[in-house]
Amino acid sequence: MSSSPHRKIWIVDTVVDLFFGIDIVLTFFVAYIDSRTQLLVRDSRKIAVR
């Protein structure tokens, strides 16, 4: 049973899109270091604004 090339490309594209979506969601929960103060920012509101 062989898949068409278009189906394989669609599957790969969908997997990449899912990883990209997961990355966007995780970015809202990951702390970062403020370049001005060099402190770890863990406030979810500040993370979302950034």
C-alpha atoms as a PDB file:
ATOM      1  CA  MET A   1       0.000   0.000   0.000  1.00  0.00           C
ATOM      2  CA  SER A   2       1.719   3.186  -1.146  1.00  0.00           C
ATOM      3  CA  SER A   3       0.770   6.762  -0.344  1.00  0.00           C
ATOM      4  CA  SER A   4       0.789   9.472  -2.925  1.00  0.00           C
ATOM      5  CA  PRO A   5       3.549  12.107  -2.687  1.00  0.00           C
ATOM      6  CA  HIS A   6       0.947  14.789  -1.949  1.00  0.00           C
ATOM      7  CA  ARG A   7      -0.317  12.836   1.057  1.00  0.00           C
ATOM      8  CA  LYS A   8       3.206  12.421   2.434  1.00  0.00           C
ATOM      9  CA  ILE A   9       3.880  16.133   2.057  1.00  0.00           C
ATOM     10  CA  TRP A  10       0.561  16.927   3.770  1.00  0.00           C
ATOM     11  CA  ILE A  11       1.454  14.672   6.705  1.00  0.00           C
ATOM     12  CA  VAL A  12       4.902  16.229   7.127  1.00  0.00           C
ATOM     13  CA  ASP A  13       3.434  19.734   6.823  1.00  0.00           C
ATOM     14  CA  THR A  14       0.801  18.965   9.459  1.00  0.00           C
ATOM     15  CA  VAL A  15       3.398  17.587  11.885  1.00  0.00           C
ATOM     16  CA  VAL A  16       5.564  20.692  11.440  1.00  0.00           C
ATOM     17  CA  ASP A  17       2.514  22.920  11.990  1.00  0.00           C
ATOM     18  CA  LEU A  18       1.667  21.033  15.193  1.00  0.00           C
ATOM     19  CA  PHE A  19       5.196  21.472  16.551  1.00  0.00           C
ATOM     20  CA  PHE A  20       5.069  25.169  15.679  1.00  0.00           C
ATOM     21  CA  GLY A  21       1.736  25.551  17.489  1.00  0.00           C
ATOM     22  CA  ILE A  22       3.082  23.761  20.558  1.00  0.00           C
ATOM     23  CA  ASP A  23       6.121  26.059  20.513  1.00  0.00           C
ATOM     24  CA  ILE A  24       3.898  29.150  20.450  1.00  0.00           C
ATOM     25  CA  VAL A  25       1.837  27.901  23.408  1.00  0.00           C
ATOM     26  CA  LEU A  26       4.923  26.968  25.438  1.00  0.00           C
ATOM     27  CA  THR A  27       6.458  30.383  24.814  1.00  0.00           C
ATOM     28  CA  PHE A  28       3.711  31.924  26.945  1.00  0.00           C
ATOM     29  CA  PHE A  29       4.777  29.838  29.960  1.00  0.00           C
ATOM     30  CA  VAL A  30       8.585  30.000  29.767  1.00  0.00           C
ATOM     31  CA  ALA A  31      10.419  32.501  31.941  1.00  0.00           C
ATOM     32  CA  TYR A  32      13.027  34.774  30.388  1.00  0.00           C
ATOM     33  CA  ILE A  33      15.926  36.934  31.575  1.00  0.00           C
ATOM     34  CA  ASP A  34      15.274  40.666  31.355  1.00  0.00           C
ATOM     35  CA  SER A  35      18.136  42.230  29.397  1.00  0.00           C
ATOM     36  CA  ARG A  36      17.996  45.442  31.424  1.00  0.00           C
ATOM     37  CA  THR A  37      17.932  44.036  34.963  1.00  0.00           C
ATOM     38  CA  GLN A  38      19.387  40.545  34.287  1.00  0.00           C
ATOM     39  CA  LEU A  39      16.625  39.081  36.471  1.00  0.00           C
ATOM     40  CA  LEU A  40      14.489  36.060  35.675  1.00  0.00           C
ATOM     41  CA  VAL A  41      10.962  37.165  34.767  1.00  0.00           C
ATOM     42  CA  ARG A  42       8.312  34.648  35.815  1.00  0.00           C
ATOM     43  CA  ASP A  43       5.224  36.868  35.748  1.00  0.00           C
ATOM     44  CA  SER A  44       2.842  35.374  33.167  1.00  0.00           C
ATOM     45  CA  ARG A  45       1.484  38.793  32.162  1.00  0.00           C
ATOM     46  CA  LYS A  46       4.989  40.134  31.428  1.00  0.00           C
ATOM     47  CA  ILE A  47       5.875  36.957  29.529  1.00  0.00           C
ATOM     48  CA  ALA A  48       2.758  37.267  27.352  1.00  0.00           C
ATOM     49  CA  VAL A  49       3.429  40.943  26.611  1.00  0.00           C
ATOM     50  CA  ARG A  50       6.983  40.162  25.590  1.00  0.00           C
END
